[in-house]
Amino acid sequence: MDTIAGFTAIIFWSCTAAFSRSLTEQLGTFTAAFAVYLGAGLLSLLSCAARPGKFRAMFKLPRPYLWGCGALFSFYMAAFYAALGWASDRQAAVAATIINYLWPALTLAFSIPILKQRARWTLWPGILLALGGIAVALWQPGGQAGSLEHLRANWLSYLCAALAAVSWALYSNLSKRYGGSEGGAVPLFMLSAGLLLGVIRLCVSEQSHWSASAAWTLAVVVVFPATLGYTLWDRGVRGGNLVLLAVASYFIPLAATLIIGVWLSVPIGAEVWLGCALVTAGALACKYSLD
């Protein structure tokens, strides 16, 4: 059952980009992000309140973990939503999603200096393969001129996606180094991310169009990817088949691309699928390059 819980978390996370892009279109980039993580943070803390000692234990975790990893978590959420919300169209949002999923390969690369992991030479071709996948995914039907024009129109979105990938890779490694247990203070981090995004929202002008559809989408994102996703993943890695779950998690880019294409009615071209497959293959090559 624990392994099934981990697989369920992977399915929920694969839906994040599709639902989040839909939400940003209706509520605005930072309004959506603020609402999601404030809601998820409060819901998670209420869940912690039902377990005696859990809330107090979070504040006893090492300060480098609480402050450093908490800041990286919050930054990731802001950058991820900015990448999706600032994409010029839904096709660009798909590309931003693929760039964001460089984090598995980067996590493994950063584990060498941070966690003192030993790696074989095949790690570097794996990273290059993942980066090559990004280049393929960004290629436009209009050739070089069309690709450059598309890149100029979406450079800020893609930069945010790349920064999100770097920050999550750092978070994953530093969380393991200083936290002692995976996701030890995630409910607190989600609440702090929500508060930070609320401050950003006050400084940014954007229009929100609330509707029954927007409220339903918000509830889905808060409950499933944001709250249950982390809870089920924590259960899965603690009591399930960790190796099986780790390998399955590297296929999130493919699943996320499929779901965002279906949910947002975006045609996914061959170059996007190829780029996504290369990003996944690069992450798997990196995975099996570590001793």
C-alpha atoms as a PDB file:
ATOM      1  CA  MET A   1       0.000   0.000   0.000  1.00  0.00           C
ATOM      2  CA  ASP A   2       2.866   2.385   0.734  1.00  0.00           C
ATOM      3  CA  THR A   3       4.289   1.932  -2.771  1.00  0.00           C
ATOM      4  CA  ILE A   4       0.826   2.568  -4.247  1.00  0.00           C
ATOM      5  CA  ALA A   5       0.672   5.765  -2.180  1.00  0.00           C
ATOM      6  CA  GLY A   6       3.939   6.881  -3.801  1.00  0.00           C
ATOM      7  CA  PHE A   7       2.634   6.118  -7.300  1.00  0.00           C
ATOM      8  CA  THR A   8      -0.512   8.105  -6.527  1.00  0.00           C
ATOM      9  CA  ALA A   9       1.629  11.092  -5.538  1.00  0.00           C
ATOM     10  CA  ILE A  10       3.444  10.875  -8.892  1.00  0.00           C
ATOM     11  CA  ILE A  11       0.094  10.928 -10.718  1.00  0.00           C
ATOM     12  CA  PHE A  12      -1.034  13.967  -8.718  1.00  0.00           C
ATOM     13  CA  TRP A  13       2.221  15.838  -9.416  1.00  0.00           C
ATOM     14  CA  SER A  14       1.933  15.062 -13.120  1.00  0.00           C
ATOM     15  CA  CYS A  15      -1.316  17.064 -13.129  1.00  0.00           C
ATOM     16  CA  THR A  16       0.229  20.134 -11.470  1.00  0.00           C
ATOM     17  CA  ALA A  17       1.349  22.024 -14.586  1.00  0.00           C
ATOM     18  CA  ALA A  18      -1.952  21.563 -16.447  1.00  0.00           C
ATOM     19  CA  PHE A  19      -4.152  22.641 -13.553  1.00  0.00           C
ATOM     20  CA  SER A  20      -1.817  25.456 -12.506  1.00  0.00           C
ATOM     21  CA  ARG A  21      -1.712  26.986 -16.006  1.00  0.00           C
ATOM     22  CA  SER A  22      -5.521  26.838 -16.142  1.00  0.00           C
ATOM     23  CA  LEU A  23      -5.665  28.541 -12.759  1.00  0.00           C
ATOM     24  CA  THR A  24      -3.228  31.327 -13.702  1.00  0.00           C
ATOM     25  CA  GLU A  25      -5.296  32.099 -16.803  1.00  0.00           C
ATOM     26  CA  GLN A  26      -8.357  32.681 -14.619  1.00  0.00           C
ATOM     27  CA  LEU A  27      -6.934  34.233 -11.454  1.00  0.00           C
ATOM     28  CA  GLY A  28      -3.595  35.701 -12.496  1.00  0.00           C
ATOM     29  CA  THR A  29      -0.135  34.281 -11.893  1.00  0.00           C
ATOM     30  CA  PHE A  30       0.540  35.266  -8.298  1.00  0.00           C
ATOM     31  CA  THR A  31      -3.085  35.322  -7.136  1.00  0.00           C
ATOM     32  CA  ALA A  32      -3.316  31.668  -8.148  1.00  0.00           C
ATOM     33  CA  ALA A  33       0.002  30.746  -6.520  1.00  0.00           C
ATOM     34  CA  PHE A  34      -0.869  32.614  -3.309  1.00  0.00           C
ATOM     35  CA  ALA A  35      -4.276  30.938  -3.036  1.00  0.00           C
ATOM     36  CA  VAL A  36      -2.878  27.458  -3.707  1.00  0.00           C
ATOM     37  CA  TYR A  37      -0.039  27.505  -1.192  1.00  0.00           C
ATOM     38  CA  LEU A  38      -1.805  29.446   1.514  1.00  0.00           C
ATOM     39  CA  GLY A  39      -4.643  26.925   1.299  1.00  0.00           C
ATOM     40  CA  ALA A  40      -2.318  23.924   1.129  1.00  0.00           C
ATOM     41  CA  GLY A  41      -0.201  25.243   4.004  1.00  0.00           C
ATOM     42  CA  LEU A  42      -3.201  25.745   6.261  1.00  0.00           C
ATOM     43  CA  LEU A  43      -4.662  22.356   5.317  1.00  0.00           C
ATOM     44  CA  SER A  44      -1.342  20.607   5.999  1.00  0.00           C
ATOM     45  CA  LEU A  45      -0.891  22.337   9.344  1.00  0.00           C
ATOM     46  CA  LEU A  46      -4.411  21.287  10.354  1.00  0.00           C
ATOM     47  CA  SER A  47      -3.423  17.732   9.497  1.00  0.00           C
ATOM     48  CA  CYS A  48      -0.301  18.100  11.658  1.00  0.00           C
ATOM     49  CA  ALA A  49      -2.428  19.326  14.557  1.00  0.00           C
ATOM     50  CA  ALA A  50      -4.130  15.931  14.598  1.00  0.00           C
ATOM     51  CA  ARG A  51      -0.782  14.267  15.328  1.00  0.00           C
ATOM     52  CA  PRO A  52       0.528  15.207  18.790  1.00  0.00           C
ATOM     53  CA  GLY A  53       4.041  16.609  18.742  1.00  0.00           C
ATOM     54  CA  LYS A  54       4.319  16.896  14.945  1.00  0.00           C
ATOM     55  CA  PHE A  55       3.958  20.682  14.848  1.00  0.00           C
ATOM     56  CA  ARG A  56       6.474  21.224  17.660  1.00  0.00           C
ATOM     57  CA  ALA A  57       8.928  18.770  16.091  1.00  0.00           C
ATOM     58  CA  MET A  58       9.117  20.861  12.902  1.00  0.00           C
ATOM     59  CA  PHE A  59      10.553  23.825  14.827  1.00  0.00           C
ATOM     60  CA  LYS A  60      13.234  21.604  16.363  1.00  0.00           C
ATOM     61  CA  LEU A  61      14.724  20.785  12.976  1.00  0.00           C
ATOM     62  CA  PRO A  62      18.167  22.297  12.162  1.00  0.00           C
ATOM     63  CA  ARG A  63      18.120  26.006  11.322  1.00  0.00           C
ATOM     64  CA  PRO A  64      19.980  25.573   7.991  1.00  0.00           C
ATOM     65  CA  TYR A  65      17.154  23.270   6.950  1.00  0.00           C
ATOM     66  CA  LEU A  66      14.317  25.474   8.165  1.00  0.00           C
ATOM     67  CA  TRP A  67      15.670  28.737   6.773  1.00  0.00           C
ATOM     68  CA  GLY A  68      17.699  27.601   3.773  1.00  0.00           C
ATOM     69  CA  CYS A  69      15.420  24.868   2.467  1.00  0.00           C
ATOM     70  CA  GLY A  70      12.339  26.908   3.377  1.00  0.00           C
ATOM     71  CA  ALA A  71      13.616  29.813   1.272  1.00  0.00           C
ATOM     72  CA  LEU A  72      14.410  27.510  -1.675  1.00  0.00           C
ATOM     73  CA  PHE A  73      10.974  25.883  -1.441  1.00  0.00           C
ATOM     74  CA  SER A  74       9.233  29.271  -1.503  1.00  0.00           C
ATOM     75  CA  PHE A  75      11.418  30.529  -4.354  1.00  0.00           C
ATOM     76  CA  TYR A  76      10.676  27.408  -6.381  1.00  0.00           C
ATOM     77  CA  MET A  77       6.925  27.866  -6.061  1.00  0.00           C
ATOM     78  CA  ALA A  78       7.131  31.525  -7.101  1.00  0.00           C
ATOM     79  CA  ALA A  79       9.401  30.740 -10.083  1.00  0.00           C
ATOM     80  CA  PHE A  80       7.297  27.767 -11.190  1.00  0.00           C
ATOM     81  CA  TYR A  81       4.056  29.737 -11.238  1.00  0.00           C
ATOM     82  CA  ALA A  82       5.771  32.695 -12.923  1.00  0.00           C
ATOM     83  CA  ALA A  83       7.065  30.346 -15.630  1.00  0.00           C
ATOM     84  CA  LEU A  84       3.577  29.005 -16.312  1.00  0.00           C
ATOM     85  CA  GLY A  85       1.706  32.285 -15.912  1.00  0.00           C
ATOM     86  CA  TRP A  86       4.082  34.411 -17.993  1.00  0.00           C
ATOM     87  CA  ALA A  87       4.210  31.993 -20.929  1.00  0.00           C
ATOM     88  CA  SER A  88       2.753  33.790 -23.951  1.00  0.00           C
ATOM     89  CA  ASP A  89       0.446  30.887 -24.812  1.00  0.00           C
ATOM     90  CA  ARG A  90      -0.322  27.335 -23.782  1.00  0.00           C
ATOM     91  CA  GLN A  91       2.257  25.895 -26.172  1.00  0.00           C
ATOM     92  CA  ALA A  92       4.931  27.962 -24.439  1.00  0.00           C
ATOM     93  CA  ALA A  93       3.604  26.735 -21.076  1.00  0.00           C
ATOM     94  CA  VAL A  94       4.303  23.167 -22.237  1.00  0.00           C
ATOM     95  CA  ALA A  95       7.895  24.129 -23.052  1.00  0.00           C
ATOM     96  CA  ALA A  96       8.283  25.856 -19.668  1.00  0.00           C
ATOM     97  CA  THR A  97       7.020  22.679 -17.988  1.00  0.00           C
ATOM     98  CA  ILE A  98       9.676  20.596 -19.738  1.00  0.00           C
ATOM     99  CA  ILE A  99      12.421  23.060 -18.740  1.00  0.00           C
ATOM    100  CA  ASN A 100      11.246  22.829 -15.136  1.00  0.00           C
ATOM    101  CA  TYR A 101      11.735  19.072 -15.268  1.00  0.00           C
ATOM    102  CA  LEU A 102      15.462  19.482 -15.651  1.00  0.00           C
ATOM    103  CA  TRP A 103      15.481  19.252 -11.851  1.00  0.00           C
ATOM    104  CA  PRO A 104      15.886  15.430 -11.637  1.00  0.00           C
ATOM    105  CA  ALA A 105      19.127  15.547 -13.639  1.00  0.00           C
ATOM    106  CA  LEU A 106      20.319  18.664 -11.806  1.00  0.00           C
ATOM    107  CA  THR A 107      19.502  17.069  -8.440  1.00  0.00           C
ATOM    108  CA  LEU A 108      21.840  14.201  -9.241  1.00  0.00           C
ATOM    109  CA  ALA A 109      24.547  16.554 -10.526  1.00  0.00           C
ATOM    110  CA  PHE A 110      24.370  18.753  -7.413  1.00  0.00           C
ATOM    111  CA  SER A 111      24.509  15.687  -5.159  1.00  0.00           C
ATOM    112  CA  ILE A 112      28.192  15.307  -6.066  1.00  0.00           C
ATOM    113  CA  PRO A 113      29.442  18.508  -4.335  1.00  0.00           C
ATOM    114  CA  ILE A 114      26.664  18.705  -1.713  1.00  0.00           C
ATOM    115  CA  LEU A 115      26.244  15.058  -0.635  1.00  0.00           C
ATOM    116  CA  LYS A 116      29.691  13.879  -1.756  1.00  0.00           C
ATOM    117  CA  GLN A 117      28.215  11.334  -4.119  1.00  0.00           C
ATOM    118  CA  ARG A 118      30.560   9.522  -6.452  1.00  0.00           C
ATOM    119  CA  ALA A 119      29.664   9.414 -10.125  1.00  0.00           C
ATOM    120  CA  ARG A 120      30.826   7.673 -13.257  1.00  0.00           C
ATOM    121  CA  TRP A 121      31.757   9.596 -16.391  1.00  0.00           C
ATOM    122  CA  THR A 122      28.342   8.824 -17.930  1.00  0.00           C
ATOM    123  CA  LEU A 123      26.776  11.478 -15.665  1.00  0.00           C
ATOM    124  CA  TRP A 124      27.911  14.311 -17.924  1.00  0.00           C
ATOM    125  CA  PRO A 125      26.543  12.859 -21.188  1.00  0.00           C
ATOM    126  CA  GLY A 126      23.276  12.347 -19.279  1.00  0.00           C
ATOM    127  CA  ILE A 127      23.152  16.044 -18.354  1.00  0.00           C
ATOM    128  CA  LEU A 128      23.992  17.046 -21.932  1.00  0.00           C
ATOM    129  CA  LEU A 129      21.240  14.730 -23.163  1.00  0.00           C
ATOM    130  CA  ALA A 130      18.719  16.457 -20.893  1.00  0.00           C
ATOM    131  CA  LEU A 131      19.875  19.906 -22.021  1.00  0.00           C
ATOM    132  CA  GLY A 132      19.667  18.763 -25.629  1.00  0.00           C
ATOM    133  CA  GLY A 133      16.079  17.755 -24.951  1.00  0.00           C
ATOM    134  CA  ILE A 134      15.292  21.325 -23.922  1.00  0.00           C
ATOM    135  CA  ALA A 135      16.792  22.653 -27.165  1.00  0.00           C
ATOM    136  CA  VAL A 136      14.697  20.207 -29.196  1.00  0.00           C
ATOM    137  CA  ALA A 137      11.506  21.070 -27.272  1.00  0.00           C
ATOM    138  CA  LEU A 138      12.040  24.787 -27.917  1.00  0.00           C
ATOM    139  CA  TRP A 139      12.520  24.344 -31.679  1.00  0.00           C
ATOM    140  CA  GLN A 140       9.666  25.875 -33.642  1.00  0.00           C
ATOM    141  CA  PRO A 141       8.187  24.828 -36.998  1.00  0.00           C
ATOM    142  CA  GLY A 142       9.386  28.109 -38.532  1.00  0.00           C
ATOM    143  CA  GLY A 143      13.013  27.028 -38.207  1.00  0.00           C
ATOM    144  CA  GLN A 144      15.745  29.135 -36.620  1.00  0.00           C
ATOM    145  CA  ALA A 145      13.988  32.463 -37.191  1.00  0.00           C
ATOM    146  CA  GLY A 146      10.720  31.198 -35.722  1.00  0.00           C
ATOM    147  CA  SER A 147      12.525  29.612 -32.776  1.00  0.00           C
ATOM    148  CA  LEU A 148      14.407  32.821 -31.953  1.00  0.00           C
ATOM    149  CA  GLU A 149      11.206  34.860 -32.168  1.00  0.00           C
ATOM    150  CA  HIS A 150       9.456  32.392 -29.863  1.00  0.00           C
ATOM    151  CA  LEU A 151      12.389  32.532 -27.449  1.00  0.00           C
ATOM    152  CA  ARG A 152      12.332  36.362 -27.408  1.00  0.00           C
ATOM    153  CA  ALA A 153       8.618  36.307 -26.617  1.00  0.00           C
ATOM    154  CA  ASN A 154       9.024  33.831 -23.739  1.00  0.00           C
ATOM    155  CA  TRP A 155      12.541  34.334 -22.390  1.00  0.00           C
ATOM    156  CA  LEU A 156      11.311  35.440 -18.956  1.00  0.00           C
ATOM    157  CA  SER A 157       9.008  32.433 -18.617  1.00  0.00           C
ATOM    158  CA  TYR A 158      11.785  30.050 -19.640  1.00  0.00           C
ATOM    159  CA  LEU A 159      14.306  31.746 -17.345  1.00  0.00           C
ATOM    160  CA  CYS A 160      11.894  31.313 -14.419  1.00  0.00           C
ATOM    161  CA  ALA A 161      11.438  27.650 -15.342  1.00  0.00           C
ATOM    162  CA  ALA A 162      15.220  27.130 -15.374  1.00  0.00           C
ATOM    163  CA  LEU A 163      15.610  28.921 -12.026  1.00  0.00           C
ATOM    164  CA  ALA A 164      12.817  26.742 -10.633  1.00  0.00           C
ATOM    165  CA  ALA A 165      14.667  23.614 -11.761  1.00  0.00           C
ATOM    166  CA  VAL A 166      17.912  24.786 -10.129  1.00  0.00           C
ATOM    167  CA  SER A 167      16.214  25.805  -6.874  1.00  0.00           C
ATOM    168  CA  TRP A 168      14.334  22.499  -6.532  1.00  0.00           C
ATOM    169  CA  ALA A 169      17.505  20.516  -7.221  1.00  0.00           C
ATOM    170  CA  LEU A 170      19.295  22.479  -4.491  1.00  0.00           C
ATOM    171  CA  TYR A 171      16.319  22.064  -2.146  1.00  0.00           C
ATOM    172  CA  SER A 172      16.272  18.297  -2.661  1.00  0.00           C
ATOM    173  CA  ASN A 173      19.958  17.909  -1.826  1.00  0.00           C
ATOM    174  CA  LEU A 174      20.112  20.364   1.066  1.00  0.00           C
ATOM    175  CA  SER A 175      16.925  18.904   2.535  1.00  0.00           C
ATOM    176  CA  LYS A 176      18.583  15.499   2.627  1.00  0.00           C
ATOM    177  CA  ARG A 177      21.811  16.919   4.055  1.00  0.00           C
ATOM    178  CA  TYR A 178      20.352  19.116   6.795  1.00  0.00           C
ATOM    179  CA  GLY A 179      16.767  17.940   7.325  1.00  0.00           C
ATOM    180  CA  GLY A 180      17.451  14.411   8.432  1.00  0.00           C
ATOM    181  CA  SER A 181      14.104  13.220   7.021  1.00  0.00           C
ATOM    182  CA  GLU A 182      12.407  13.987   3.710  1.00  0.00           C
ATOM    183  CA  GLY A 183       9.717  16.630   3.915  1.00  0.00           C
ATOM    184  CA  GLY A 184      10.191  17.224   7.652  1.00  0.00           C
ATOM    185  CA  ALA A 185       8.736  20.746   7.548  1.00  0.00           C
ATOM    186  CA  VAL A 186       6.898  20.809   4.212  1.00  0.00           C
ATOM    187  CA  PRO A 187       3.603  22.028   5.782  1.00  0.00           C
ATOM    188  CA  LEU A 188       5.490  24.995   7.247  1.00  0.00           C
ATOM    189  CA  PHE A 189       7.271  25.599   3.945  1.00  0.00           C
ATOM    190  CA  MET A 190       3.976  25.620   2.027  1.00  0.00           C
ATOM    191  CA  LEU A 191       2.503  28.179   4.404  1.00  0.00           C
ATOM    192  CA  SER A 192       5.602  30.400   4.162  1.00  0.00           C
ATOM    193  CA  ALA A 193       5.484  30.101   0.358  1.00  0.00           C
ATOM    194  CA  GLY A 194       1.844  31.186   0.423  1.00  0.00           C
ATOM    195  CA  LEU A 195       2.653  34.226   2.571  1.00  0.00           C
ATOM    196  CA  LEU A 196       5.591  35.198   0.325  1.00  0.00           C
ATOM    197  CA  LEU A 197       3.434  34.882  -2.776  1.00  0.00           C
ATOM    198  CA  GLY A 198       0.803  37.035  -1.076  1.00  0.00           C
ATOM    199  CA  VAL A 199       3.379  39.785  -0.585  1.00  0.00           C
ATOM    200  CA  ILE A 200       4.448  39.497  -4.236  1.00  0.00           C
ATOM    201  CA  ARG A 201       0.794  39.679  -5.298  1.00  0.00           C
ATOM    202  CA  LEU A 202       0.403  42.989  -3.471  1.00  0.00           C
ATOM    203  CA  CYS A 203       3.279  44.399  -5.526  1.00  0.00           C
ATOM    204  CA  VAL A 204       2.006  43.146  -8.894  1.00  0.00           C
ATOM    205  CA  SER A 205      -0.992  44.354 -10.854  1.00  0.00           C
ATOM    206  CA  GLU A 206      -3.071  41.521 -12.259  1.00  0.00           C
ATOM    207  CA  GLN A 207      -6.743  40.819 -12.862  1.00  0.00           C
ATOM    208  CA  SER A 208      -8.599  37.900 -11.322  1.00  0.00           C
ATOM    209  CA  HIS A 209     -11.782  36.405 -12.737  1.00  0.00           C
ATOM    210  CA  TRP A 210     -13.393  34.249 -10.105  1.00  0.00           C
ATOM    211  CA  SER A 211     -15.940  31.684 -11.200  1.00  0.00           C
ATOM    212  CA  ALA A 212     -17.229  28.258 -10.209  1.00  0.00           C
ATOM    213  CA  SER A 213     -14.655  26.723 -12.568  1.00  0.00           C
ATOM    214  CA  ALA A 214     -11.805  28.697 -10.983  1.00  0.00           C
ATOM    215  CA  ALA A 215     -12.921  27.759  -7.469  1.00  0.00           C
ATOM    216  CA  TRP A 216     -13.167  24.082  -8.421  1.00  0.00           C
ATOM    217  CA  THR A 217      -9.732  24.088 -10.065  1.00  0.00           C
ATOM    218  CA  LEU A 218      -8.233  25.840  -7.024  1.00  0.00           C
ATOM    219  CA  ALA A 219      -9.740  23.255  -4.669  1.00  0.00           C
ATOM    220  CA  VAL A 220      -8.355  20.402  -6.788  1.00  0.00           C
ATOM    221  CA  VAL A 221      -4.830  21.870  -6.856  1.00  0.00           C
ATOM    222  CA  VAL A 222      -4.830  22.618  -3.112  1.00  0.00           C
ATOM    223  CA  VAL A 223      -6.066  19.184  -2.080  1.00  0.00           C
ATOM    224  CA  PHE A 224      -4.404  16.828  -4.558  1.00  0.00           C
ATOM    225  CA  PRO A 225      -0.999  17.916  -5.955  1.00  0.00           C
ATOM    226  CA  ALA A 226      -0.169  20.405  -3.177  1.00  0.00           C
ATOM    227  CA  THR A 227      -1.363  18.625  -0.024  1.00  0.00           C
ATOM    228  CA  LEU A 228      -1.968  14.931  -0.716  1.00  0.00           C
ATOM    229  CA  GLY A 229       0.915  14.730  -3.188  1.00  0.00           C
ATOM    230  CA  TYR A 230       3.526  15.516  -0.548  1.00  0.00           C
ATOM    231  CA  THR A 231       1.756  13.452   2.136  1.00  0.00           C
ATOM    232  CA  LEU A 232       1.463  10.319  -0.009  1.00  0.00           C
ATOM    233  CA  TRP A 233       4.999  10.659  -1.353  1.00  0.00           C
ATOM    234  CA  ASP A 234       6.370  10.879   2.186  1.00  0.00           C
ATOM    235  CA  ARG A 235       4.491   7.687   3.084  1.00  0.00           C
ATOM    236  CA  GLY A 236       5.695   5.976  -0.082  1.00  0.00           C
ATOM    237  CA  VAL A 237       9.402   6.697   0.367  1.00  0.00           C
ATOM    238  CA  ARG A 238       9.314   5.766   4.037  1.00  0.00           C
ATOM    239  CA  GLY A 239       7.497   2.448   3.755  1.00  0.00           C
ATOM    240  CA  GLY A 240       7.361   1.507   0.075  1.00  0.00           C
ATOM    241  CA  ASN A 241       9.753   0.350  -2.639  1.00  0.00           C
ATOM    242  CA  LEU A 242      12.024   3.389  -2.872  1.00  0.00           C
ATOM    243  CA  VAL A 243      13.959   2.203  -5.943  1.00  0.00           C
ATOM    244  CA  LEU A 244      10.757   1.573  -7.900  1.00  0.00           C
ATOM    245  CA  LEU A 245       9.306   4.941  -6.912  1.00  0.00           C
ATOM    246  CA  ALA A 246      12.532   6.780  -7.753  1.00  0.00           C
ATOM    247  CA  VAL A 247      12.612   5.310 -11.275  1.00  0.00           C
ATOM    248  CA  ALA A 248       8.899   6.041 -11.806  1.00  0.00           C
ATOM    249  CA  SER A 249       9.358   9.675 -10.762  1.00  0.00           C
ATOM    250  CA  TYR A 250      11.687  10.291 -13.711  1.00  0.00           C
ATOM    251  CA  PHE A 251       8.759   9.750 -16.071  1.00  0.00           C
ATOM    252  CA  ILE A 252       6.806  12.698 -14.617  1.00  0.00           C
ATOM    253  CA  PRO A 253       7.860  14.974 -17.551  1.00  0.00           C
ATOM    254  CA  LEU A 254       6.249  12.598 -20.059  1.00  0.00           C
ATOM    255  CA  ALA A 255       3.077  12.229 -17.977  1.00  0.00           C
ATOM    256  CA  ALA A 256       2.879  15.979 -17.307  1.00  0.00           C
ATOM    257  CA  THR A 257       3.251  16.770 -21.018  1.00  0.00           C
ATOM    258  CA  LEU A 258       0.493  14.308 -21.916  1.00  0.00           C
ATOM    259  CA  ILE A 259      -1.876  15.702 -19.262  1.00  0.00           C
ATOM    260  CA  ILE A 260      -1.235  19.370 -20.088  1.00  0.00           C
ATOM    261  CA  GLY A 261      -1.843  18.590 -23.768  1.00  0.00           C
ATOM    262  CA  VAL A 262      -5.174  16.878 -23.072  1.00  0.00           C
ATOM    263  CA  TRP A 263      -6.418  19.217 -20.321  1.00  0.00           C
ATOM    264  CA  LEU A 264      -5.541  22.458 -22.117  1.00  0.00           C
ATOM    265  CA  SER A 265      -6.247  21.122 -25.634  1.00  0.00           C
ATOM    266  CA  VAL A 266      -2.694  21.863 -26.748  1.00  0.00           C
ATOM    267  CA  PRO A 267      -1.391  19.918 -29.774  1.00  0.00           C
ATOM    268  CA  ILE A 268       1.924  18.360 -28.785  1.00  0.00           C
ATOM    269  CA  GLY A 269       4.297  18.219 -31.752  1.00  0.00           C
ATOM    270  CA  ALA A 270       6.872  15.531 -32.424  1.00  0.00           C
ATOM    271  CA  GLU A 271       9.724  17.862 -31.428  1.00  0.00           C
ATOM    272  CA  VAL A 272       8.146  18.439 -27.998  1.00  0.00           C
ATOM    273  CA  TRP A 273       7.697  14.697 -27.395  1.00  0.00           C
ATOM    274  CA  LEU A 274      11.264  14.048 -28.519  1.00  0.00           C
ATOM    275  CA  GLY A 275      12.605  16.811 -26.270  1.00  0.00           C
ATOM    276  CA  CYS A 276      10.589  15.498 -23.338  1.00  0.00           C
ATOM    277  CA  ALA A 277      11.862  11.962 -23.950  1.00  0.00           C
ATOM    278  CA  LEU A 278      15.470  13.209 -24.065  1.00  0.00           C
ATOM    279  CA  VAL A 279      15.026  15.074 -20.764  1.00  0.00           C
ATOM    280  CA  THR A 280      13.678  11.870 -19.204  1.00  0.00           C
ATOM    281  CA  ALA A 281      16.451   9.734 -20.731  1.00  0.00           C
ATOM    282  CA  GLY A 282      19.069  12.202 -19.517  1.00  0.00           C
ATOM    283  CA  ALA A 283      17.711  12.038 -15.959  1.00  0.00           C
ATOM    284  CA  LEU A 284      17.725   8.220 -16.045  1.00  0.00           C
ATOM    285  CA  ALA A 285      21.292   8.202 -17.383  1.00  0.00           C
ATOM    286  CA  CYS A 286      22.310  10.468 -14.491  1.00  0.00           C
ATOM    287  CA  LYS A 287      20.497   8.226 -12.026  1.00  0.00           C
ATOM    288  CA  TYR A 288      22.456   5.158 -13.054  1.00  0.00           C
ATOM    289  CA  SER A 289      25.740   7.070 -13.199  1.00  0.00           C
ATOM    290  CA  LEU A 290      25.911   7.519  -9.419  1.00  0.00           C
ATOM    291  CA  ASP A 291      27.677   4.900  -7.308  1.00  0.00           C
END
